[in-house]
């Protein structure tokens, strides 16, 4: 006699609701798209595009946050899979929030120091005329902004001296020292060298990886919108998009979708006017460490 698909002879540990019931995850999502009349409010074309760009893939099942449980559809091959219908809801709300902020002239800081996100973050920031951090988040970038401004001014001065030929008047050793410092400062501040005030909001790729940026923004009550994997903490950001944060294709797809909500900012000679900086309460002597 043929054995039934789910038999009571199986042990409790061999099958869980987040495992065996969702083995054919991709097939189930495709079926939901085919039977879209049952989901009249869903943008099935966008969901199919998300599926094609691997937006639904999370982390391994042993690396996850319980706060993301509601956005996980199941487990496939020991990897969490996001419910793209819930991802669609979140990404639509985030896009609407960015449109509202952009219509009011808010300045956006894009943050993505992961190797997979660096090029995309830089490209989108350049296209929209906003700022970006794509190599390393310098501690105190928001909470210790007056000190950061001095470092940015030093970077701009050295770069100006290099272009004007002023460094040629220095000794060989002094010039080498200046060039070494320039490279160090460029790595840390190239994407924000024209910033004058703290940004109005942050768009972050992988909130778990960029937890320091989210924490500083939270201290100053700056709105943050994060792309979160299955390890993310939804309480550390204003709003979020549950998606694949380990794939270049997925990150680019999500950011390209949100990019249309961010209007191009016109920079003046004085720089873009952002929000007035607020200093965090002093807990001791603060120091700034540039990128290594």
C-alpha atoms as a PDB file:
ATOM      1  CA  UNK A   1       0.000   0.000   0.000  1.00  0.00           C
ATOM      2  CA  UNK A   2       1.317   3.452  -0.903  1.00  0.00           C
ATOM      3  CA  UNK A   3       2.405   5.463   2.081  1.00  0.00           C
ATOM      4  CA  UNK A   4       0.492   8.742   2.605  1.00  0.00           C
ATOM      5  CA  UNK A   5       2.367  11.974   2.085  1.00  0.00           C
ATOM      6  CA  UNK A   6       2.179  13.020   5.738  1.00  0.00           C
ATOM      7  CA  UNK A   7       2.075  10.030   8.056  1.00  0.00           C
ATOM      8  CA  UNK A   8       1.720  10.013  11.834  1.00  0.00           C
ATOM      9  CA  UNK A   9       4.742   7.701  11.907  1.00  0.00           C
ATOM     10  CA  UNK A  10       7.016  10.681  11.248  1.00  0.00           C
ATOM     11  CA  UNK A  11       8.787  12.064  14.285  1.00  0.00           C
ATOM     12  CA  UNK A  12       7.891  15.520  15.576  1.00  0.00           C
ATOM     13  CA  UNK A  13      11.345  16.869  14.746  1.00  0.00           C
ATOM     14  CA  UNK A  14      11.292  15.617  11.153  1.00  0.00           C
ATOM     15  CA  UNK A  15       8.496  17.976  10.046  1.00  0.00           C
ATOM     16  CA  UNK A  16       7.635  21.508  11.061  1.00  0.00           C
ATOM     17  CA  UNK A  17       5.088  23.969   9.642  1.00  0.00           C
ATOM     18  CA  UNK A  18       7.970  26.092   8.356  1.00  0.00           C
ATOM     19  CA  UNK A  19       9.621  23.182   6.561  1.00  0.00           C
ATOM     20  CA  UNK A  20       7.784  20.277   5.004  1.00  0.00           C
ATOM     21  CA  UNK A  21       4.603  22.197   4.232  1.00  0.00           C
ATOM     22  CA  UNK A  22       6.500  24.666   2.051  1.00  0.00           C
ATOM     23  CA  UNK A  23       8.944  22.487   0.111  1.00  0.00           C
ATOM     24  CA  UNK A  24       7.640  23.710  -3.229  1.00  0.00           C
ATOM     25  CA  UNK A  25       7.764  27.392  -2.280  1.00  0.00           C
ATOM     26  CA  UNK A  26       8.436  28.814  -5.716  1.00  0.00           C
ATOM     27  CA  UNK A  27       5.672  26.701  -7.245  1.00  0.00           C
ATOM     28  CA  UNK A  28       3.171  27.918  -4.653  1.00  0.00           C
ATOM     29  CA  UNK A  29       4.023  31.574  -5.259  1.00  0.00           C
ATOM     30  CA  UNK A  30       3.687  31.082  -9.013  1.00  0.00           C
ATOM     31  CA  UNK A  31       0.291  29.441  -8.490  1.00  0.00           C
ATOM     32  CA  UNK A  32      -0.818  32.442  -6.428  1.00  0.00           C
ATOM     33  CA  UNK A  33       0.197  34.672  -9.313  1.00  0.00           C
ATOM     34  CA  UNK A  34      -1.713  32.508 -11.815  1.00  0.00           C
ATOM     35  CA  UNK A  35      -4.827  32.629  -9.662  1.00  0.00           C
ATOM     36  CA  UNK A  36      -4.522  36.383  -9.171  1.00  0.00           C
ATOM     37  CA  UNK A  37      -8.320  36.981  -9.310  1.00  0.00           C
ATOM     38  CA  UNK A  38      -8.360  35.668  -5.747  1.00  0.00           C
ATOM     39  CA  UNK A  39      -5.915  38.464  -4.855  1.00  0.00           C
ATOM     40  CA  UNK A  40      -7.412  41.492  -6.648  1.00  0.00           C
ATOM     41  CA  UNK A  41      -5.435  44.077  -4.687  1.00  0.00           C
ATOM     42  CA  UNK A  42      -2.032  42.563  -5.414  1.00  0.00           C
ATOM     43  CA  UNK A  43       0.336  43.800  -8.122  1.00  0.00           C
ATOM     44  CA  UNK A  44       1.123  40.355  -9.500  1.00  0.00           C
ATOM     45  CA  UNK A  45       3.478  41.723 -12.172  1.00  0.00           C
ATOM     46  CA  UNK A  46       5.643  43.306  -9.486  1.00  0.00           C
ATOM     47  CA  UNK A  47       5.571  40.116  -7.420  1.00  0.00           C
ATOM     48  CA  UNK A  48       6.719  38.100 -10.427  1.00  0.00           C
ATOM     49  CA  UNK A  49       9.564  40.590 -10.973  1.00  0.00           C
ATOM     50  CA  UNK A  50      10.546  40.229  -7.310  1.00  0.00           C
ATOM     51  CA  UNK A  51      10.530  36.473  -7.696  1.00  0.00           C
ATOM     52  CA  UNK A  52      12.702  36.679 -10.825  1.00  0.00           C
ATOM     53  CA  UNK A  53      15.181  38.919  -8.961  1.00  0.00           C
ATOM     54  CA  UNK A  54      15.422  36.567  -5.941  1.00  0.00           C
ATOM     55  CA  UNK A  55      13.898  39.101  -3.549  1.00  0.00           C
ATOM     56  CA  UNK A  56      12.187  36.240  -1.673  1.00  0.00           C
ATOM     57  CA  UNK A  57      15.370  34.559  -0.434  1.00  0.00           C
ATOM     58  CA  UNK A  58      16.406  35.059   3.205  1.00  0.00           C
ATOM     59  CA  UNK A  59      19.206  33.707   5.387  1.00  0.00           C
ATOM     60  CA  UNK A  60      19.810  30.177   6.599  1.00  0.00           C
ATOM     61  CA  UNK A  61      17.221  28.978   9.066  1.00  0.00           C
ATOM     62  CA  UNK A  62      19.635  29.040  12.027  1.00  0.00           C
ATOM     63  CA  UNK A  63      20.335  32.753  11.461  1.00  0.00           C
ATOM     64  CA  UNK A  64      17.108  34.658  11.871  1.00  0.00           C
ATOM     65  CA  UNK A  65      15.191  37.083  14.036  1.00  0.00           C
ATOM     66  CA  UNK A  66      11.897  36.035  15.590  1.00  0.00           C
ATOM     67  CA  UNK A  67      10.576  39.542  14.874  1.00  0.00           C
ATOM     68  CA  UNK A  68      10.638  38.683  11.157  1.00  0.00           C
ATOM     69  CA  UNK A  69       8.438  35.612  11.616  1.00  0.00           C
ATOM     70  CA  UNK A  70       5.324  37.288  10.217  1.00  0.00           C
ATOM     71  CA  UNK A  71       7.097  38.076   6.951  1.00  0.00           C
ATOM     72  CA  UNK A  72       8.584  34.626   6.375  1.00  0.00           C
ATOM     73  CA  UNK A  73       6.498  32.317   4.204  1.00  0.00           C
ATOM     74  CA  UNK A  74       8.452  29.160   4.964  1.00  0.00           C
ATOM     75  CA  UNK A  75      11.740  27.322   4.597  1.00  0.00           C
ATOM     76  CA  UNK A  76      13.145  25.901   1.372  1.00  0.00           C
ATOM     77  CA  UNK A  77      16.417  23.959   1.315  1.00  0.00           C
ATOM     78  CA  UNK A  78      17.210  25.152   4.840  1.00  0.00           C
ATOM     79  CA  UNK A  79      16.812  28.813   3.806  1.00  0.00           C
ATOM     80  CA  UNK A  80      14.045  31.186   4.859  1.00  0.00           C
ATOM     81  CA  UNK A  81      11.728  32.398   2.114  1.00  0.00           C
ATOM     82  CA  UNK A  82       9.839  35.684   2.393  1.00  0.00           C
ATOM     83  CA  UNK A  83       6.143  36.075   1.672  1.00  0.00           C
ATOM     84  CA  UNK A  84       6.295  38.365  -1.357  1.00  0.00           C
ATOM     85  CA  UNK A  85       2.733  39.572  -0.853  1.00  0.00           C
ATOM     86  CA  UNK A  86       3.767  41.007   2.507  1.00  0.00           C
ATOM     87  CA  UNK A  87       6.972  42.344   0.970  1.00  0.00           C
ATOM     88  CA  UNK A  88       4.816  44.071  -1.638  1.00  0.00           C
ATOM     89  CA  UNK A  89       2.794  45.765   1.098  1.00  0.00           C
ATOM     90  CA  UNK A  90       5.908  47.014   2.903  1.00  0.00           C
ATOM     91  CA  UNK A  91       7.744  48.234  -0.193  1.00  0.00           C
ATOM     92  CA  UNK A  92       4.634  50.159  -1.303  1.00  0.00           C
ATOM     93  CA  UNK A  93       4.372  51.884   2.078  1.00  0.00           C
ATOM     94  CA  UNK A  94       8.091  52.742   2.097  1.00  0.00           C
ATOM     95  CA  UNK A  95       7.870  54.170  -1.420  1.00  0.00           C
ATOM     96  CA  UNK A  96       4.906  56.316  -0.424  1.00  0.00           C
ATOM     97  CA  UNK A  97       6.795  57.607   2.646  1.00  0.00           C
ATOM     98  CA  UNK A  98       9.802  58.490   0.481  1.00  0.00           C
ATOM     99  CA  UNK A  99       7.551  60.300  -2.005  1.00  0.00           C
ATOM    100  CA  UNK A 100       6.028  62.376   0.797  1.00  0.00           C
ATOM    101  CA  UNK A 101       9.448  63.238   2.207  1.00  0.00           C
ATOM    102  CA  UNK A 102      10.865  64.042  -1.216  1.00  0.00           C
ATOM    103  CA  UNK A 103       7.950  66.347  -2.045  1.00  0.00           C
ATOM    104  CA  UNK A 104       8.874  68.382   1.045  1.00  0.00           C
ATOM    105  CA  UNK A 105      12.496  68.724  -0.100  1.00  0.00           C
ATOM    106  CA  UNK A 106      13.937  66.302   2.430  1.00  0.00           C
ATOM    107  CA  UNK A 107      17.548  65.210   1.984  1.00  0.00           C
ATOM    108  CA  UNK A 108      18.296  61.481   1.914  1.00  0.00           C
ATOM    109  CA  UNK A 109      21.442  59.696   3.042  1.00  0.00           C
ATOM    110  CA  UNK A 110      21.834  56.269   1.416  1.00  0.00           C
ATOM    111  CA  UNK A 111      23.809  53.800   3.528  1.00  0.00           C
ATOM    112  CA  UNK A 112      25.113  50.480   2.246  1.00  0.00           C
ATOM    113  CA  UNK A 113      28.623  49.372   3.170  1.00  0.00           C
ATOM    114  CA  UNK A 114      28.132  45.728   2.205  1.00  0.00           C
ATOM    115  CA  UNK A 115      30.132  44.712  -0.838  1.00  0.00           C
ATOM    116  CA  UNK A 116      26.937  43.732  -2.658  1.00  0.00           C
ATOM    117  CA  UNK A 117      25.388  47.188  -2.181  1.00  0.00           C
ATOM    118  CA  UNK A 118      28.288  49.608  -2.678  1.00  0.00           C
ATOM    119  CA  UNK A 119      28.004  50.286  -6.409  1.00  0.00           C
ATOM    120  CA  UNK A 120      24.203  50.472  -6.390  1.00  0.00           C
ATOM    121  CA  UNK A 121      24.143  52.868  -3.428  1.00  0.00           C
ATOM    122  CA  UNK A 122      26.626  55.206  -5.104  1.00  0.00           C
ATOM    123  CA  UNK A 123      24.806  55.136  -8.442  1.00  0.00           C
ATOM    124  CA  UNK A 124      21.390  55.928  -6.943  1.00  0.00           C
ATOM    125  CA  UNK A 125      22.753  58.713  -4.721  1.00  0.00           C
ATOM    126  CA  UNK A 126      24.468  60.313  -7.723  1.00  0.00           C
ATOM    127  CA  UNK A 127      21.328  60.045  -9.853  1.00  0.00           C
ATOM    128  CA  UNK A 128      19.123  61.652  -7.216  1.00  0.00           C
ATOM    129  CA  UNK A 129      21.684  64.217  -6.062  1.00  0.00           C
ATOM    130  CA  UNK A 130      21.704  62.925  -2.482  1.00  0.00           C
ATOM    131  CA  UNK A 131      24.482  61.636  -0.243  1.00  0.00           C
ATOM    132  CA  UNK A 132      25.797  58.151   0.399  1.00  0.00           C
ATOM    133  CA  UNK A 133      28.050  56.064   2.635  1.00  0.00           C
ATOM    134  CA  UNK A 134      29.272  52.902   0.909  1.00  0.00           C
ATOM    135  CA  UNK A 135      32.594  51.953   2.498  1.00  0.00           C
ATOM    136  CA  UNK A 136      32.415  52.327   6.270  1.00  0.00           C
ATOM    137  CA  UNK A 137      30.110  54.036   8.719  1.00  0.00           C
ATOM    138  CA  UNK A 138      32.314  56.363  10.757  1.00  0.00           C
ATOM    139  CA  UNK A 139      31.177  56.204  14.423  1.00  0.00           C
ATOM    140  CA  UNK A 140      29.587  59.511  15.434  1.00  0.00           C
ATOM    141  CA  UNK A 141      28.711  60.491  11.872  1.00  0.00           C
ATOM    142  CA  UNK A 142      25.334  61.764  13.081  1.00  0.00           C
ATOM    143  CA  UNK A 143      25.639  62.097  16.853  1.00  0.00           C
ATOM    144  CA  UNK A 144      29.026  63.844  16.657  1.00  0.00           C
ATOM    145  CA  UNK A 145      28.383  65.779  13.457  1.00  0.00           C
ATOM    146  CA  UNK A 146      30.328  69.003  14.318  1.00  0.00           C
ATOM    147  CA  UNK A 147      33.547  66.982  14.593  1.00  0.00           C
ATOM    148  CA  UNK A 148      32.729  65.131  11.381  1.00  0.00           C
ATOM    149  CA  UNK A 149      32.263  68.483   9.603  1.00  0.00           C
ATOM    150  CA  UNK A 150      35.818  69.439  10.546  1.00  0.00           C
ATOM    151  CA  UNK A 151      37.153  66.198   9.088  1.00  0.00           C
ATOM    152  CA  UNK A 152      35.166  66.767   5.900  1.00  0.00           C
ATOM    153  CA  UNK A 153      36.567  70.296   5.665  1.00  0.00           C
ATOM    154  CA  UNK A 154      40.102  68.901   6.016  1.00  0.00           C
ATOM    155  CA  UNK A 155      39.372  66.394   3.242  1.00  0.00           C
ATOM    156  CA  UNK A 156      38.055  69.099   0.917  1.00  0.00           C
ATOM    157  CA  UNK A 157      41.067  71.314   1.627  1.00  0.00           C
ATOM    158  CA  UNK A 158      43.596  68.599   0.803  1.00  0.00           C
ATOM    159  CA  UNK A 159      41.713  67.718  -2.375  1.00  0.00           C
ATOM    160  CA  UNK A 160      41.678  71.394  -3.363  1.00  0.00           C
ATOM    161  CA  UNK A 161      45.410  71.687  -2.722  1.00  0.00           C
ATOM    162  CA  UNK A 162      46.030  68.622  -4.866  1.00  0.00           C
ATOM    163  CA  UNK A 163      44.088  70.078  -7.790  1.00  0.00           C
ATOM    164  CA  UNK A 164      45.733  73.508  -7.494  1.00  0.00           C
ATOM    165  CA  UNK A 165      49.225  72.052  -7.275  1.00  0.00           C
ATOM    166  CA  UNK A 166      49.876  73.388  -3.770  1.00  0.00           C
ATOM    167  CA  UNK A 167      51.119  69.972  -2.642  1.00  0.00           C
ATOM    168  CA  UNK A 168      53.995  70.206  -5.109  1.00  0.00           C
ATOM    169  CA  UNK A 169      55.563  72.881  -2.890  1.00  0.00           C
ATOM    170  CA  UNK A 170      55.895  70.424  -0.002  1.00  0.00           C
ATOM    171  CA  UNK A 171      58.769  68.067   0.594  1.00  0.00           C
ATOM    172  CA  UNK A 172      58.490  64.531  -0.722  1.00  0.00           C
ATOM    173  CA  UNK A 173      57.787  63.156   2.750  1.00  0.00           C
ATOM    174  CA  UNK A 174      55.152  65.787   3.552  1.00  0.00           C
ATOM    175  CA  UNK A 175      53.418  65.232   0.222  1.00  0.00           C
ATOM    176  CA  UNK A 176      53.328  61.469   0.757  1.00  0.00           C
ATOM    177  CA  UNK A 177      51.813  62.031   4.198  1.00  0.00           C
ATOM    178  CA  UNK A 178      49.132  64.331   2.771  1.00  0.00           C
ATOM    179  CA  UNK A 179      48.254  61.891   0.002  1.00  0.00           C
ATOM    180  CA  UNK A 180      47.982  59.058   2.504  1.00  0.00           C
ATOM    181  CA  UNK A 181      45.622  61.147   4.650  1.00  0.00           C
ATOM    182  CA  UNK A 182      43.638  62.135   1.555  1.00  0.00           C
ATOM    183  CA  UNK A 183      43.073  58.499   0.617  1.00  0.00           C
ATOM    184  CA  UNK A 184      41.951  57.727   4.154  1.00  0.00           C
ATOM    185  CA  UNK A 185      39.517  60.650   4.236  1.00  0.00           C
ATOM    186  CA  UNK A 186      38.209  59.927   0.735  1.00  0.00           C
ATOM    187  CA  UNK A 187      37.312  56.394   1.758  1.00  0.00           C
ATOM    188  CA  UNK A 188      35.306  57.695   4.707  1.00  0.00           C
ATOM    189  CA  UNK A 189      33.729  60.920   3.396  1.00  0.00           C
ATOM    190  CA  UNK A 190      33.662  60.909  -0.410  1.00  0.00           C
ATOM    191  CA  UNK A 191      29.892  60.467  -0.541  1.00  0.00           C
ATOM    192  CA  UNK A 192      29.167  63.262   1.948  1.00  0.00           C
ATOM    193  CA  UNK A 193      31.897  65.794   1.147  1.00  0.00           C
ATOM    194  CA  UNK A 194      29.290  68.477   0.290  1.00  0.00           C
ATOM    195  CA  UNK A 195      26.950  67.864   3.212  1.00  0.00           C
ATOM    196  CA  UNK A 196      26.359  70.808   5.547  1.00  0.00           C
ATOM    197  CA  UNK A 197      23.847  69.446   8.011  1.00  0.00           C
ATOM    198  CA  UNK A 198      22.594  66.088   9.181  1.00  0.00           C
ATOM    199  CA  UNK A 199      20.261  64.405   6.656  1.00  0.00           C
ATOM    200  CA  UNK A 200      16.499  64.345   7.025  1.00  0.00           C
ATOM    201  CA  UNK A 201      16.193  60.586   6.600  1.00  0.00           C
ATOM    202  CA  UNK A 202      18.236  57.455   5.967  1.00  0.00           C
ATOM    203  CA  UNK A 203      17.734  54.626   3.475  1.00  0.00           C
ATOM    204  CA  UNK A 204      19.759  51.641   4.696  1.00  0.00           C
ATOM    205  CA  UNK A 205      20.642  48.353   3.029  1.00  0.00           C
ATOM    206  CA  UNK A 206      20.607  45.536   5.596  1.00  0.00           C
ATOM    207  CA  UNK A 207      19.619  47.098   8.909  1.00  0.00           C
ATOM    208  CA  UNK A 208      21.285  44.245  10.799  1.00  0.00           C
ATOM    209  CA  UNK A 209      24.650  44.977   9.162  1.00  0.00           C
ATOM    210  CA  UNK A 210      24.226  48.756   9.544  1.00  0.00           C
ATOM    211  CA  UNK A 211      22.941  48.650  13.124  1.00  0.00           C
ATOM    212  CA  UNK A 212      25.241  51.508  14.220  1.00  0.00           C
ATOM    213  CA  UNK A 213      23.790  53.856  11.596  1.00  0.00           C
ATOM    214  CA  UNK A 214      20.252  52.999  12.673  1.00  0.00           C
ATOM    215  CA  UNK A 215      21.126  53.480  16.330  1.00  0.00           C
ATOM    216  CA  UNK A 216      22.598  56.945  15.750  1.00  0.00           C
ATOM    217  CA  UNK A 217      19.602  57.986  13.638  1.00  0.00           C
ATOM    218  CA  UNK A 218      17.280  56.689  16.323  1.00  0.00           C
ATOM    219  CA  UNK A 219      19.109  58.771  18.943  1.00  0.00           C
ATOM    220  CA  UNK A 220      18.513  61.931  16.899  1.00  0.00           C
ATOM    221  CA  UNK A 221      14.976  60.823  15.914  1.00  0.00           C
ATOM    222  CA  UNK A 222      15.839  60.791  12.210  1.00  0.00           C
ATOM    223  CA  UNK A 223      13.449  58.597  10.171  1.00  0.00           C
ATOM    224  CA  UNK A 224      15.061  55.456   8.759  1.00  0.00           C
ATOM    225  CA  UNK A 225      13.893  53.085   6.033  1.00  0.00           C
ATOM    226  CA  UNK A 226      15.767  49.797   5.869  1.00  0.00           C
ATOM    227  CA  UNK A 227      16.025  46.743   3.687  1.00  0.00           C
ATOM    228  CA  UNK A 228      15.913  43.857   6.162  1.00  0.00           C
ATOM    229  CA  UNK A 229      16.832  40.219   5.725  1.00  0.00           C
ATOM    230  CA  UNK A 230      15.480  37.455   7.935  1.00  0.00           C
ATOM    231  CA  UNK A 231      17.980  38.524  10.626  1.00  0.00           C
ATOM    232  CA  UNK A 232      16.653  42.100  10.827  1.00  0.00           C
ATOM    233  CA  UNK A 233      15.163  43.915  13.803  1.00  0.00           C
ATOM    234  CA  UNK A 234      12.041  45.798  12.790  1.00  0.00           C
ATOM    235  CA  UNK A 235      12.098  47.900  15.978  1.00  0.00           C
ATOM    236  CA  UNK A 236      15.302  49.715  14.993  1.00  0.00           C
ATOM    237  CA  UNK A 237      13.882  51.511  11.961  1.00  0.00           C
ATOM    238  CA  UNK A 238      10.866  53.629  11.065  1.00  0.00           C
ATOM    239  CA  UNK A 239       9.770  51.322   8.251  1.00  0.00           C
ATOM    240  CA  UNK A 240      11.327  48.450   6.342  1.00  0.00           C
ATOM    241  CA  UNK A 241      11.227  46.129   3.338  1.00  0.00           C
ATOM    242  CA  UNK A 242      11.689  42.399   4.079  1.00  0.00           C
ATOM    243  CA  UNK A 243      13.827  41.122   1.227  1.00  0.00           C
ATOM    244  CA  UNK A 244      17.037  39.459   0.120  1.00  0.00           C
ATOM    245  CA  UNK A 245      19.947  41.650   1.273  1.00  0.00           C
ATOM    246  CA  UNK A 246      22.725  39.287   0.149  1.00  0.00           C
ATOM    247  CA  UNK A 247      22.215  39.511  -3.599  1.00  0.00           C
ATOM    248  CA  UNK A 248      23.371  42.335  -5.860  1.00  0.00           C
ATOM    249  CA  UNK A 249      20.437  41.690  -8.201  1.00  0.00           C
ATOM    250  CA  UNK A 250      17.885  41.800  -5.393  1.00  0.00           C
ATOM    251  CA  UNK A 251      19.299  44.941  -3.769  1.00  0.00           C
ATOM    252  CA  UNK A 252      19.441  46.727  -7.116  1.00  0.00           C
ATOM    253  CA  UNK A 253      15.853  45.774  -7.941  1.00  0.00           C
ATOM    254  CA  UNK A 254      14.461  47.065  -4.631  1.00  0.00           C
ATOM    255  CA  UNK A 255      16.461  50.300  -4.686  1.00  0.00           C
ATOM    256  CA  UNK A 256      15.600  50.955  -8.336  1.00  0.00           C
ATOM    257  CA  UNK A 257      11.933  50.572  -7.435  1.00  0.00           C
ATOM    258  CA  UNK A 258      12.294  53.064  -4.562  1.00  0.00           C
ATOM    259  CA  UNK A 259      14.479  55.430  -6.574  1.00  0.00           C
ATOM    260  CA  UNK A 260      11.532  56.835  -8.510  1.00  0.00           C
ATOM    261  CA  UNK A 261      10.102  58.118  -5.219  1.00  0.00           C
ATOM    262  CA  UNK A 262      13.167  60.269  -4.506  1.00  0.00           C
ATOM    263  CA  UNK A 263      13.225  63.481  -6.493  1.00  0.00           C
ATOM    264  CA  UNK A 264      16.531  64.897  -7.618  1.00  0.00           C
ATOM    265  CA  UNK A 265      17.884  67.439  -5.137  1.00  0.00           C
ATOM    266  CA  UNK A 266      19.412  70.630  -6.489  1.00  0.00           C
ATOM    267  CA  UNK A 267      22.656  71.389  -4.697  1.00  0.00           C
ATOM    268  CA  UNK A 268      23.649  74.995  -4.206  1.00  0.00           C
ATOM    269  CA  UNK A 269      27.095  76.416  -3.576  1.00  0.00           C
ATOM    270  CA  UNK A 270      26.391  76.286   0.108  1.00  0.00           C
ATOM    271  CA  UNK A 271      25.403  72.649  -0.089  1.00  0.00           C
ATOM    272  CA  UNK A 272      22.076  70.975   0.419  1.00  0.00           C
ATOM    273  CA  UNK A 273      20.168  72.219   3.394  1.00  0.00           C
ATOM    274  CA  UNK A 274      19.296  69.270   5.566  1.00  0.00           C
ATOM    275  CA  UNK A 275      17.856  69.151   9.034  1.00  0.00           C
ATOM    276  CA  UNK A 276      19.436  71.156  11.850  1.00  0.00           C
ATOM    277  CA  UNK A 277      21.849  68.887  13.647  1.00  0.00           C
ATOM    278  CA  UNK A 278      20.986  67.763  17.152  1.00  0.00           C
ATOM    279  CA  UNK A 279      23.722  66.603  19.459  1.00  0.00           C
ATOM    280  CA  UNK A 280      23.210  63.480  21.507  1.00  0.00           C
ATOM    281  CA  UNK A 281      23.592  63.803  25.287  1.00  0.00           C
ATOM    282  CA  UNK A 282      27.246  63.512  26.261  1.00  0.00           C
ATOM    283  CA  UNK A 283      28.153  60.237  27.921  1.00  0.00           C
ATOM    284  CA  UNK A 284      31.866  60.851  27.946  1.00  0.00           C
ATOM    285  CA  UNK A 285      34.668  61.915  25.615  1.00  0.00           C
ATOM    286  CA  UNK A 286      33.767  61.129  22.014  1.00  0.00           C
ATOM    287  CA  UNK A 287      36.378  60.426  19.397  1.00  0.00           C
ATOM    288  CA  UNK A 288      36.093  59.910  15.686  1.00  0.00           C
ATOM    289  CA  UNK A 289      37.822  57.075  13.878  1.00  0.00           C
ATOM    290  CA  UNK A 290      38.030  57.425  10.098  1.00  0.00           C
ATOM    291  CA  UNK A 291      37.955  54.458   7.771  1.00  0.00           C
ATOM    292  CA  UNK A 292      41.098  52.378   7.887  1.00  0.00           C
END
